[in-house]
C-alpha atoms as a PDB file:
ATOM      1  CA  MET A   1      -4.833 -12.687  -3.903  1.00  0.00           C
ATOM      2  CA  LEU A   2      -3.859 -10.455  -1.098  1.00  0.00           C
ATOM      3  CA  LEU A   3      -2.024  -7.196  -1.865  1.00  0.00           C
ATOM      4  CA  LEU A   4      -0.148  -4.918   0.549  1.00  0.00           C
ATOM      5  CA  ALA A   5      -1.279  -1.237  -0.027  1.00  0.00           C
ATOM      6  CA  PRO A   6       0.936   1.693  -0.615  1.00  0.00           C
ATOM      7  CA  MET A   7       0.698   4.183   2.323  1.00  0.00           C
ATOM      8  CA  GLU A   8       2.600   7.395   1.972  1.00  0.00           C
ATOM      9  CA  GLY A   9       4.807   8.088   5.008  1.00  0.00           C
ATOM     10  CA  LEU A  10       3.915   4.784   6.812  1.00  0.00           C
ATOM     11  CA  LEU A  11       4.152   1.691   4.508  1.00  0.00           C
ATOM     12  CA  ASP A  12       7.699   2.199   3.046  1.00  0.00           C
ATOM     13  CA  PHE A  13      10.308  -0.399   2.233  1.00  0.00           C
ATOM     14  CA  VAL A  14      11.225  -1.000   5.838  1.00  0.00           C
ATOM     15  CA  LEU A  15       7.691  -1.946   6.907  1.00  0.00           C
ATOM     16  CA  ARG A  16       7.074  -3.852   3.609  1.00  0.00           C
ATOM     17  CA  ASP A  17      10.192  -5.935   4.560  1.00  0.00           C
ATOM     18  CA  ILE A  18       8.870  -6.757   8.028  1.00  0.00           C
ATOM     19  CA  LEU A  19       5.282  -7.429   6.999  1.00  0.00           C
ATOM     20  CA  THR A  20       6.182  -9.749   4.122  1.00  0.00           C
ATOM     21  CA  ARG A  21       8.440 -11.603   6.530  1.00  0.00           C
ATOM     22  CA  VAL A  22       5.362 -12.352   8.650  1.00  0.00           C
ATOM     23  CA  GLY A  23       3.695 -13.744   5.493  1.00  0.00           C
ATOM     24  CA  GLY A  24       0.483 -14.050   3.644  1.00  0.00           C
ATOM     25  CA  VAL A  25       0.992 -11.333   1.090  1.00  0.00           C
ATOM     26  CA  ASP A  26       1.125 -12.055  -2.589  1.00  0.00           C
ATOM     27  CA  ARG A  27       2.410  -8.694  -3.868  1.00  0.00           C
ATOM     28  CA  CYS A  28       3.247  -5.162  -2.527  1.00  0.00           C
ATOM     29  CA  VAL A  29       2.838  -1.809  -4.107  1.00  0.00           C
ATOM     30  CA  SER A  30       5.413   1.048  -3.271  1.00  0.00           C
ATOM     31  CA  GLU A  31       4.743   4.492  -1.934  1.00  0.00           C
ATOM     32  CA  PHE A  32       3.997   6.845  -4.823  1.00  0.00           C
ATOM     33  CA  ILE A  33       6.867   8.353  -6.612  1.00  0.00           C
ATOM     34  CA  ARG A  34       5.773  11.689  -7.729  1.00  0.00           C
ATOM     35  CA  VAL A  35       6.382  12.832 -11.337  1.00  0.00           C
ATOM     36  CA  THR A  36       6.301  16.602 -11.846  1.00  0.00           C
ATOM     37  CA  GLY A  37       7.640  17.085 -15.381  1.00  0.00           C
ATOM     38  CA  THR A  38      11.241  16.036 -15.322  1.00  0.00           C
ATOM     39  CA  LEU A  39      12.877  12.721 -15.779  1.00  0.00           C
ATOM     40  CA  LEU A  40      13.791  11.496 -12.341  1.00  0.00           C
ATOM     41  CA  PRO A  41      17.346   9.972 -11.777  1.00  0.00           C
ATOM     42  CA  ASP A  42      17.626   6.370 -10.915  1.00  0.00           C
ATOM     43  CA  LYS A  43      18.623   7.211  -7.404  1.00  0.00           C
ATOM     44  CA  VAL A  44      15.107   8.379  -6.604  1.00  0.00           C
ATOM     45  CA  PHE A  45      13.593   5.156  -7.858  1.00  0.00           C
ATOM     46  CA  PHE A  46      16.079   3.192  -5.729  1.00  0.00           C
ATOM     47  CA  ARG A  47      15.306   5.350  -2.727  1.00  0.00           C
ATOM     48  CA  TYR A  48      11.609   4.367  -2.869  1.00  0.00           C
ATOM     49  CA  LEU A  49      12.272   0.866  -4.013  1.00  0.00           C
ATOM     50  CA  PRO A  50      15.530  -0.579  -2.746  1.00  0.00           C
ATOM     51  CA  GLU A  51      14.001  -3.908  -3.652  1.00  0.00           C
ATOM     52  CA  LEU A  52      15.060  -3.173  -7.225  1.00  0.00           C
ATOM     53  CA  ARG A  53      18.490  -4.373  -6.150  1.00  0.00           C
ATOM     54  CA  ASN A  54      16.889  -7.633  -5.153  1.00  0.00           C
ATOM     55  CA  GLY A  55      15.133  -8.328  -8.396  1.00  0.00           C
ATOM     56  CA  GLY A  56      12.045  -6.293  -7.502  1.00  0.00           C
ATOM     57  CA  ARG A  57      11.202  -8.368  -4.448  1.00  0.00           C
ATOM     58  CA  THR A  58      11.375  -7.934  -0.697  1.00  0.00           C
ATOM     59  CA  LEU A  59      13.891 -10.037   1.118  1.00  0.00           C
ATOM     60  CA  ALA A  60      11.111 -12.541   1.812  1.00  0.00           C
ATOM     61  CA  GLY A  61      10.647 -12.920  -1.849  1.00  0.00           C
ATOM     62  CA  THR A  62       7.466 -10.899  -2.302  1.00  0.00           C
ATOM     63  CA  PRO A  63       7.250  -8.907  -5.520  1.00  0.00           C
ATOM     64  CA  VAL A  64       6.881  -5.157  -5.350  1.00  0.00           C
ATOM     65  CA  ARG A  65       5.132  -3.125  -8.058  1.00  0.00           C
ATOM     66  CA  ALA A  66       6.399   0.532  -8.369  1.00  0.00           C
ATOM     67  CA  GLN A  67       3.793   3.203  -8.082  1.00  0.00           C
ATOM     68  CA  LEU A  68       3.882   6.566 -10.002  1.00  0.00           C
ATOM     69  CA  LEU A  69       1.815   9.642  -9.456  1.00  0.00           C
ATOM     70  CA  GLY A  70       1.444  12.515 -11.964  1.00  0.00           C
ATOM     71  CA  SER A  71      -0.812  14.005 -14.530  1.00  0.00           C
ATOM     72  CA  ASP A  72       1.346  14.761 -17.564  1.00  0.00           C
ATOM     73  CA  PRO A  73       1.135  11.770 -20.022  1.00  0.00           C
ATOM     74  CA  ALA A  74       4.622  12.350 -21.771  1.00  0.00           C
ATOM     75  CA  SER A  75       6.414  12.795 -18.410  1.00  0.00           C
ATOM     76  CA  MET A  76       4.693   9.821 -16.807  1.00  0.00           C
ATOM     77  CA  ALA A  77       5.674   7.786 -19.886  1.00  0.00           C
ATOM     78  CA  ASP A  78       9.267   8.838 -19.715  1.00  0.00           C
ATOM     79  CA  ASN A  79       9.620   8.028 -16.029  1.00  0.00           C
ATOM     80  CA  ALA A  80       7.801   4.716 -16.396  1.00  0.00           C
ATOM     81  CA  ALA A  81      10.282   3.687 -19.194  1.00  0.00           C
ATOM     82  CA  ALA A  82      13.256   4.585 -16.984  1.00  0.00           C
ATOM     83  CA  LEU A  83      11.730   2.873 -14.036  1.00  0.00           C
ATOM     84  CA  ALA A  84      10.790  -0.251 -16.014  1.00  0.00           C
ATOM     85  CA  ALA A  85      14.434  -0.745 -17.064  1.00  0.00           C
ATOM     86  CA  LEU A  86      15.395  -1.295 -13.438  1.00  0.00           C
ATOM     87  CA  GLY A  87      13.224  -4.325 -13.128  1.00  0.00           C
ATOM     88  CA  PRO A  88      10.229  -3.791 -10.862  1.00  0.00           C
ATOM     89  CA  GLU A  89       7.426  -6.380 -10.871  1.00  0.00           C
ATOM     90  CA  GLY A  90       5.250  -3.885 -12.658  1.00  0.00           C
ATOM     91  CA  ILE A  91       4.122  -0.354 -12.836  1.00  0.00           C
ATOM     92  CA  ASP A  92       1.166   0.981 -10.795  1.00  0.00           C
ATOM     93  CA  LEU A  93      -0.506   4.407 -11.426  1.00  0.00           C
ATOM     94  CA  ASN A  94      -1.932   6.367  -8.435  1.00  0.00           C
ATOM     95  CA  PHE A  95      -5.340   7.903  -9.157  1.00  0.00           C
ATOM     96  CA  GLY A  96      -6.515   7.790  -5.484  1.00  0.00           C
ATOM     97  CA  CYS A  97      -4.340   9.916  -3.370  1.00  0.00           C
ATOM     98  CA  PRO A  98      -6.593  12.414  -1.495  1.00  0.00           C
ATOM     99  CA  ALA A  99      -3.682  14.740  -0.205  1.00  0.00           C
ATOM    100  CA  ARG A 100      -4.596  18.368  -0.944  1.00  0.00           C
ATOM    101  CA  VAL A 101      -1.046  19.335  -2.133  1.00  0.00           C
ATOM    102  CA  VAL A 102      -1.169  16.424  -4.568  1.00  0.00           C
ATOM    103  CA  ASN A 103      -4.759  17.196  -5.884  1.00  0.00           C
ATOM    104  CA  ARG A 104      -3.876  20.958  -6.159  1.00  0.00           C
ATOM    105  CA  HIS A 105      -1.208  20.050  -8.783  1.00  0.00           C
ATOM    106  CA  GLY A 106      -3.527  17.795 -10.746  1.00  0.00           C
ATOM    107  CA  GLY A 107      -2.403  14.405  -9.403  1.00  0.00           C
ATOM    108  CA  GLY A 108      -3.920  11.645  -7.483  1.00  0.00           C
ATOM    109  CA  ALA A 109      -7.643  11.630  -7.074  1.00  0.00           C
ATOM    110  CA  SER A 110      -7.993  14.938  -8.867  1.00  0.00           C
ATOM    111  CA  LEU A 111      -7.795  12.993 -12.208  1.00  0.00           C
ATOM    112  CA  LEU A 112     -11.092  11.113 -11.329  1.00  0.00           C
ATOM    113  CA  ARG A 113     -12.888  14.202 -12.577  1.00  0.00           C
ATOM    114  CA  GLU A 114     -11.253  13.832 -15.989  1.00  0.00           C
ATOM    115  CA  PRO A 115     -11.667  10.295 -17.318  1.00  0.00           C
ATOM    116  CA  GLU A 116     -10.256  11.414 -20.721  1.00  0.00           C
ATOM    117  CA  ARG A 117      -7.025  12.688 -19.344  1.00  0.00           C
ATOM    118  CA  LEU A 118      -6.735   9.778 -17.011  1.00  0.00           C
ATOM    119  CA  ALA A 119      -6.955   7.540 -20.063  1.00  0.00           C
ATOM    120  CA  GLN A 120      -4.190   9.501 -21.804  1.00  0.00           C
ATOM    121  CA  VAL A 121      -1.921   9.076 -18.811  1.00  0.00           C
ATOM    122  CA  VAL A 122      -2.564   5.221 -18.682  1.00  0.00           C
ATOM    123  CA  ALA A 123      -2.182   4.793 -22.482  1.00  0.00           C
ATOM    124  CA  ALA A 124       1.038   6.746 -22.519  1.00  0.00           C
ATOM    125  CA  VAL A 125       2.573   4.591 -19.732  1.00  0.00           C
ATOM    126  CA  ARG A 126       1.329   1.305 -21.361  1.00  0.00           C
ATOM    127  CA  ARG A 127       3.088   2.231 -24.573  1.00  0.00           C
ATOM    128  CA  ALA A 128       6.301   3.329 -22.847  1.00  0.00           C
ATOM    129  CA  VAL A 129       7.072   0.001 -21.003  1.00  0.00           C
ATOM    130  CA  PRO A 130       7.574  -3.511 -22.324  1.00  0.00           C
ATOM    131  CA  ALA A 131       4.527  -5.313 -23.320  1.00  0.00           C
ATOM    132  CA  ALA A 132       5.217  -8.053 -20.729  1.00  0.00           C
ATOM    133  CA  MET A 133       5.355  -5.642 -17.833  1.00  0.00           C
ATOM    134  CA  PRO A 134       1.979  -5.236 -16.001  1.00  0.00           C
ATOM    135  CA  VAL A 135       0.572  -1.659 -15.738  1.00  0.00           C
ATOM    136  CA  SER A 136      -2.220  -1.435 -13.088  1.00  0.00           C
ATOM    137  CA  CYS A 137      -4.071   1.473 -11.479  1.00  0.00           C
ATOM    138  CA  LYS A 138      -5.396   2.386  -8.108  1.00  0.00           C
ATOM    139  CA  MET A 139      -8.482   4.646  -7.947  1.00  0.00           C
ATOM    140  CA  ARG A 140     -11.119   5.876  -5.443  1.00  0.00           C
ATOM    141  CA  LEU A 141     -14.811   6.007  -6.222  1.00  0.00           C
ATOM    142  CA  GLY A 142     -14.483   9.520  -7.257  1.00  0.00           C
ATOM    143  CA  TYR A 143     -13.513  12.998  -6.123  1.00  0.00           C
ATOM    144  CA  ASP A 144     -16.752  14.588  -4.736  1.00  0.00           C
ATOM    145  CA  ASP A 145     -19.065  11.590  -5.477  1.00  0.00           C
ATOM    146  CA  ALA A 146     -19.071   8.319  -7.269  1.00  0.00           C
ATOM    147  CA  ALA A 147     -20.784   9.581 -10.523  1.00  0.00           C
ATOM    148  CA  LEU A 148     -17.713   8.972 -12.656  1.00  0.00           C
ATOM    149  CA  ALA A 149     -16.407   5.800 -10.985  1.00  0.00           C
ATOM    150  CA  VAL A 150     -17.487   3.467 -13.906  1.00  0.00           C
ATOM    151  CA  ALA A 151     -16.339   5.916 -16.561  1.00  0.00           C
ATOM    152  CA  CYS A 152     -12.893   6.147 -14.882  1.00  0.00           C
ATOM    153  CA  ALA A 153     -12.451   2.512 -14.501  1.00  0.00           C
ATOM    154  CA  GLN A 154     -13.515   1.935 -18.128  1.00  0.00           C
ATOM    155  CA  ALA A 155     -11.053   4.606 -19.201  1.00  0.00           C
ATOM    156  CA  MET A 156      -8.218   2.758 -17.330  1.00  0.00           C
ATOM    157  CA  ALA A 157      -9.115  -0.668 -18.694  1.00  0.00           C
ATOM    158  CA  ASP A 158      -9.563   0.553 -22.323  1.00  0.00           C
ATOM    159  CA  SER A 159      -6.176   2.366 -22.161  1.00  0.00           C
ATOM    160  CA  GLY A 160      -4.284  -0.814 -21.176  1.00  0.00           C
ATOM    161  CA  ALA A 161      -4.507  -1.174 -17.444  1.00  0.00           C
ATOM    162  CA  CYS A 162      -4.310  -4.925 -16.623  1.00  0.00           C
ATOM    163  CA  GLU A 163      -5.801  -4.540 -13.039  1.00  0.00           C
ATOM    164  CA  ILE A 164      -7.712  -1.896 -11.039  1.00  0.00           C
ATOM    165  CA  VAL A 165      -7.638  -1.403  -7.306  1.00  0.00           C
ATOM    166  CA  VAL A 166     -10.679   0.366  -6.075  1.00  0.00           C
ATOM    167  CA  HIS A 167     -10.429   2.173  -2.671  1.00  0.00           C
ATOM    168  CA  ALA A 168     -14.142   2.251  -1.892  1.00  0.00           C
ATOM    169  CA  ARG A 169     -14.366   5.904  -0.790  1.00  0.00           C
ATOM    170  CA  THR A 170     -14.295   9.147  -2.581  1.00  0.00           C
ATOM    171  CA  LYS A 171     -11.565  11.761  -2.116  1.00  0.00           C
ATOM    172  CA  GLN A 172     -13.882  13.876  -0.006  1.00  0.00           C
ATOM    173  CA  ASP A 173     -14.487  10.837   2.287  1.00  0.00           C
ATOM    174  CA  GLY A 174     -10.797  10.631   3.020  1.00  0.00           C
ATOM    175  CA  TYR A 175     -10.279   7.688   5.495  1.00  0.00           C
ATOM    176  CA  ARG A 176     -13.548   8.123   7.329  1.00  0.00           C
ATOM    177  CA  PRO A 177     -15.613   4.907   7.698  1.00  0.00           C
ATOM    178  CA  PRO A 178     -17.350   3.246   6.185  1.00  0.00           C
ATOM    179  CA  ALA A 179     -15.939   1.992   2.902  1.00  0.00           C
ATOM    180  CA  TYR A 180     -18.611   1.678   0.209  1.00  0.00           C
ATOM    181  CA  TRP A 181     -17.816  -1.860  -1.032  1.00  0.00           C
ATOM    182  CA  GLU A 182     -21.294  -2.104  -2.443  1.00  0.00           C
ATOM    183  CA  GLN A 183     -20.310   0.388  -5.170  1.00  0.00           C
ATOM    184  CA  ILE A 184     -17.620  -1.934  -6.496  1.00  0.00           C
ATOM    185  CA  PRO A 185     -19.804  -4.483  -8.468  1.00  0.00           C
ATOM    186  CA  ALA A 186     -20.912  -1.897 -10.917  1.00  0.00           C
ATOM    187  CA  ILE A 187     -17.215  -1.132 -11.733  1.00  0.00           C
ATOM    188  CA  ARG A 188     -16.476  -5.002 -11.936  1.00  0.00           C
ATOM    189  CA  ALA A 189     -19.311  -5.399 -14.426  1.00  0.00           C
ATOM    190  CA  ALA A 190     -17.976  -2.504 -16.636  1.00  0.00           C
ATOM    191  CA  VAL A 191     -14.486  -3.772 -17.172  1.00  0.00           C
ATOM    192  CA  ARG A 192     -12.818  -7.026 -18.381  1.00  0.00           C
ATOM    193  CA  VAL A 193      -9.811  -6.781 -16.081  1.00  0.00           C
ATOM    194  CA  PRO A 194      -9.413  -7.894 -12.504  1.00  0.00           C
ATOM    195  CA  VAL A 195     -10.683  -5.501  -9.891  1.00  0.00           C
ATOM    196  CA  VAL A 196      -9.271  -5.544  -6.238  1.00  0.00           C
ATOM    197  CA  ALA A 197     -11.254  -4.244  -3.278  1.00  0.00           C
ATOM    198  CA  ASN A 198      -9.631  -1.951  -0.762  1.00  0.00           C
ATOM    199  CA  GLY A 199     -10.678   0.073   2.253  1.00  0.00           C
ATOM    200  CA  GLU A 200     -11.692  -0.564   5.873  1.00  0.00           C
ATOM    201  CA  ILE A 201     -10.461  -4.170   5.982  1.00  0.00           C
ATOM    202  CA  TRP A 202      -9.305  -4.577   9.599  1.00  0.00           C
ATOM    203  CA  THR A 203     -10.220  -8.149  10.379  1.00  0.00           C
ATOM    204  CA  VAL A 204     -10.927 -11.478   8.780  1.00  0.00           C
ATOM    205  CA  GLU A 205     -14.676 -10.792   9.287  1.00  0.00           C
ATOM    206  CA  ASP A 206     -14.300  -7.454   7.374  1.00  0.00           C
ATOM    207  CA  ALA A 207     -12.427  -9.262   4.522  1.00  0.00           C
ATOM    208  CA  LEU A 208     -15.278 -11.722   4.213  1.00  0.00           C
ATOM    209  CA  ARG A 209     -17.918  -9.027   4.233  1.00  0.00           C
ATOM    210  CA  CYS A 210     -16.009  -6.966   1.578  1.00  0.00           C
ATOM    211  CA  ARG A 211     -15.713 -10.038  -0.602  1.00  0.00           C
ATOM    212  CA  ALA A 212     -19.393 -10.776  -0.339  1.00  0.00           C
ATOM    213  CA  MET A 213     -20.448  -7.055  -1.103  1.00  0.00           C
ATOM    214  CA  SER A 214     -17.852  -6.301  -3.709  1.00  0.00           C
ATOM    215  CA  GLY A 215     -17.776  -9.606  -5.463  1.00  0.00           C
ATOM    216  CA  CYS A 216     -13.899  -9.362  -5.494  1.00  0.00           C
ATOM    217  CA  ASP A 217     -11.739 -12.283  -4.447  1.00  0.00           C
ATOM    218  CA  ALA A 218      -8.684 -10.112  -4.449  1.00  0.00           C
ATOM    219  CA  LEU A 219      -8.251  -7.651  -1.667  1.00  0.00           C
ATOM    220  CA  MET A 220      -5.673  -4.911  -0.856  1.00  0.00           C
ATOM    221  CA  LEU A 221      -4.847  -4.638   2.809  1.00  0.00           C
ATOM    222  CA  GLY A 222      -3.502  -1.286   4.275  1.00  0.00           C
ATOM    223  CA  ARG A 223      -3.890   0.025   7.681  1.00  0.00           C
ATOM    224  CA  GLY A 224      -5.526  -3.254   8.738  1.00  0.00           C
ATOM    225  CA  MET A 225      -2.287  -5.051   7.923  1.00  0.00           C
ATOM    226  CA  VAL A 226      -0.151  -2.546   9.809  1.00  0.00           C
ATOM    227  CA  ALA A 227      -2.284  -2.697  12.914  1.00  0.00           C
ATOM    228  CA  ASP A 228      -2.605  -6.597  12.694  1.00  0.00           C
ATOM    229  CA  PRO A 229       0.516  -8.043  10.824  1.00  0.00           C
ATOM    230  CA  GLY A 230      -0.984 -11.478  11.104  1.00  0.00           C
ATOM    231  CA  LEU A 231      -4.107 -10.528   9.239  1.00  0.00           C
ATOM    232  CA  ALA A 232      -3.182 -11.878   5.736  1.00  0.00           C
ATOM    233  CA  LEU A 233      -2.073 -15.098   7.447  1.00  0.00           C
ATOM    234  CA  ALA A 234      -5.324 -15.384   9.353  1.00  0.00           C
ATOM    235  CA  LEU A 235      -7.325 -14.856   6.225  1.00  0.00           C
ATOM    236  CA  ARG A 236      -5.264 -17.588   4.418  1.00  0.00           C
ATOM    237  CA  ALA A 237      -6.078 -19.941   7.282  1.00  0.00           C
ATOM    238  CA  HIS A 238      -9.859 -19.210   6.967  1.00  0.00           C
ATOM    239  CA  GLU A 239      -9.522 -19.828   3.111  1.00  0.00           C
ATOM    240  CA  LEU A 240      -7.993 -23.253   3.823  1.00  0.00           C
ATOM    241  CA  GLY A 241     -10.796 -24.121   6.252  1.00  0.00           C
ATOM    242  CA  GLY A 242      -8.967 -23.563   9.370  1.00  0.00           C
ATOM    243  CA  ALA A 243      -9.656 -21.404  12.346  1.00  0.00           C
ATOM    244  CA  PRO A 244      -7.931 -17.950  11.675  1.00  0.00           C
ATOM    245  CA  ALA A 245      -5.410 -18.002  14.545  1.00  0.00           C
ATOM    246  CA  PRO A 246      -4.217 -14.521  15.508  1.00  0.00           C
ATOM    247  CA  LEU A 247      -0.482 -13.676  15.559  1.00  0.00           C
ATOM    248  CA  PRO A 248       0.327 -13.515  19.282  1.00  0.00           C
ATOM    249  CA  TRP A 249       2.177 -10.455  20.769  1.00  0.00           C
ATOM    250  CA  SER A 250       5.110 -12.786  21.671  1.00  0.00           C
ATOM    251  CA  ALA A 251       5.555 -13.662  17.965  1.00  0.00           C
ATOM    252  CA  LEU A 252       5.290 -10.089  16.856  1.00  0.00           C
ATOM    253  CA  VAL A 253       7.857  -8.695  19.186  1.00  0.00           C
ATOM    254  CA  PRO A 254      10.849 -10.162  17.358  1.00  0.00           C
ATOM    255  CA  HIS A 255       9.536  -8.399  14.226  1.00  0.00           C
ATOM    256  CA  LEU A 256       9.385  -5.099  16.195  1.00  0.00           C
ATOM    257  CA  LEU A 257      13.157  -5.627  16.989  1.00  0.00           C
ATOM    258  CA  GLU A 258      13.906  -6.316  13.444  1.00  0.00           C
ATOM    259  CA  PHE A 259      11.940  -3.246  12.350  1.00  0.00           C
ATOM    260  CA  TRP A 260      13.966  -1.072  14.784  1.00  0.00           C
ATOM    261  CA  GLU A 261      17.305  -2.516  13.497  1.00  0.00           C
ATOM    262  CA  LEU A 262      16.299  -1.689   9.890  1.00  0.00           C
ATOM    263  CA  VAL A 263      15.034   1.707  10.772  1.00  0.00           C
ATOM    264  CA  CYS A 264      18.364   2.444  12.559  1.00  0.00           C
ATOM    265  CA  ALA A 265      20.291   1.223   9.587  1.00  0.00           C
ATOM    266  CA  GLN A 266      18.253   2.732   6.687  1.00  0.00           C
ATOM    267  CA  LEU A 267      16.616   6.027   7.971  1.00  0.00           C
ATOM    268  CA  GLU A 268      17.929   9.302   9.086  1.00  0.00           C
ATOM    269  CA  PRO A 269      18.446   9.657  12.917  1.00  0.00           C
ATOM    270  CA  ARG A 270      15.700  12.265  13.196  1.00  0.00           C
ATOM    271  CA  GLN A 271      13.022   9.880  11.641  1.00  0.00           C
ATOM    272  CA  ARG A 272      13.915   6.710  13.731  1.00  0.00           C
ATOM    273  CA  ALA A 273      12.019   7.102  17.063  1.00  0.00           C
ATOM    274  CA  GLY A 274       8.982   8.496  15.247  1.00  0.00           C
ATOM    275  CA  ARG A 275       8.644   5.582  12.830  1.00  0.00           C
ATOM    276  CA  LEU A 276       8.626   3.171  15.707  1.00  0.00           C
ATOM    277  CA  LYS A 277       6.078   5.189  17.568  1.00  0.00           C
ATOM    278  CA  GLN A 278       3.898   5.464  14.470  1.00  0.00           C
ATOM    279  CA  TRP A 279       3.739   1.675  14.085  1.00  0.00           C
ATOM    280  CA  LEU A 280       3.178   1.065  17.746  1.00  0.00           C
ATOM    281  CA  ASN A 281       0.399   3.605  17.710  1.00  0.00           C
ATOM    282  CA  LEU A 282      -1.523   1.494  15.040  1.00  0.00           C
ATOM    283  CA  LEU A 283      -0.665  -1.824  16.768  1.00  0.00           C
ATOM    284  CA  ARG A 284      -2.582  -0.563  19.759  1.00  0.00           C
ATOM    285  CA  ARG A 285      -5.800  -1.239  17.874  1.00  0.00           C
ATOM    286  CA  ARG A 286      -5.142  -4.942  17.848  1.00  0.00           C
ATOM    287  CA  TYR A 287      -2.737  -5.612  20.884  1.00  0.00           C
ATOM    288  CA  PRO A 288      -3.268  -4.324  24.404  1.00  0.00           C
ATOM    289  CA  GLN A 289       0.447  -4.912  24.996  1.00  0.00           C
ATOM    290  CA  ALA A 290       1.092  -2.334  22.339  1.00  0.00           C
ATOM    291  CA  GLN A 291      -0.355   0.394  24.427  1.00  0.00           C
ATOM    292  CA  THR A 292       2.236  -0.270  27.180  1.00  0.00           C
ATOM    293  CA  ALA A 293       4.958  -0.424  24.687  1.00  0.00           C
ATOM    294  CA  TYR A 294       3.806   2.805  23.127  1.00  0.00           C
ATOM    295  CA  ASP A 295       3.574   4.643  26.481  1.00  0.00           C
ATOM    296  CA  THR A 296       7.100   3.438  27.235  1.00  0.00           C
ATOM    297  CA  VAL A 297       8.864   4.706  24.066  1.00  0.00           C
ATOM    298  CA  ARG A 298       6.478   7.749  23.457  1.00  0.00           C
ATOM    299  CA  VAL A 299       8.598  10.091  25.595  1.00  0.00           C
ATOM    300  CA  LEU A 300      12.022   8.763  24.239  1.00  0.00           C
ATOM    301  CA  THR A 301      14.048  10.281  21.550  1.00  0.00           C
ATOM    302  CA  GLU A 302      17.533   8.913  21.861  1.00  0.00           C
ATOM    303  CA  GLN A 303      18.258   5.870  19.774  1.00  0.00           C
ATOM    304  CA  ALA A 304      20.049   4.081  22.534  1.00  0.00           C
ATOM    305  CA  ALA A 305      17.237   4.656  25.031  1.00  0.00           C
ATOM    306  CA  VAL A 306      14.649   3.290  22.614  1.00  0.00           C
ATOM    307  CA  GLY A 307      16.746   0.202  21.972  1.00  0.00           C
ATOM    308  CA  VAL A 308      17.018  -0.486  25.780  1.00  0.00           C
ATOM    309  CA  ALA A 309      13.234  -0.079  26.129  1.00  0.00           C
ATOM    310  CA  LEU A 310      12.464  -2.380  23.242  1.00  0.00           C
ATOM    311  CA  ARG A 311      14.839  -5.160  24.584  1.00  0.00           C
ATOM    312  CA  ARG A 312      12.965  -4.886  27.909  1.00  0.00           C
ATOM    313  CA  ILE A 313       9.706  -5.203  26.144  1.00  0.00           C
ATOM    314  CA  ALA A 314      11.089  -8.292  24.349  1.00  0.00           C
ATOM    315  CA  ASP A 315      12.200  -9.907  27.555  1.00  0.00           C
ATOM    316  CA  GLU A 316       8.746  -9.272  29.166  1.00  0.00           C
ATOM    317  CA  ALA A 317       7.044 -10.855  26.089  1.00  0.00           C
ATOM    318  CA  ASP A 318       9.127 -13.985  26.639  1.00  0.00           C
ATOM    319  CA  GLN A 319       8.035 -14.438  30.149  1.00  0.00           C
END
């Protein structure tokens, strides 16, 4: 199983739409919806997950699990119940966000220092939503170190989590390589629910090493999938015994145009050019042509000018 990671400020519903059109992804997880003590109105849930209007799936048909972030069991339960009524594929709980502002208020990775409180949050959410609705968790190896990794995973599983994604770094590690995939087998051995490996999977070769070191068949792809939208398809090809064919630039450019159309239709004007530049910036890791495209649009701010530049890039890709 290949999952598409939640990435605050990057992998939102627009990019989910595009990447699931490319294919190879079994399930997505939304950006986290922050719960701070009040019951959020439905419009907030729809803002983060417009897929709720499509049966909880992207337009390509890929299910999307809704992610909540918070530390108060009662408030998390109330919001999970309200969200569940709108029909997501499931509820995911964020215990891995390393952002300072989130951790300062007791959310995200900060709960990895308190397995008992973490268990209370999971149990409250599990009780609040229908029994048939999956409740999963995403964690890191720990806050400062991995000393409580197994205890936290056990707390999640014992409190009703049906699946645990492990980002194989601590909060203090941030996103600095490497990811410590070798730490995951101890977690897998301690729980009776599926464990998904995540972190530093940029290539098919990375994915194979991660599987070998972690023992996990299921993987969650994040920045690697954004930088190489054909990564999941290439991994699928390898699994079927074929050569993992890369997605060529000429095949990606139409998706860039679709992305720009969606950005212009769905996001505020001040966000549009920045979102395109953000994606092109990551694409430079995989595609030399993305460097030229990035340099072209980097200095542009007007929507019309960006559109003209993209069409020129598309014409050149067809030649």
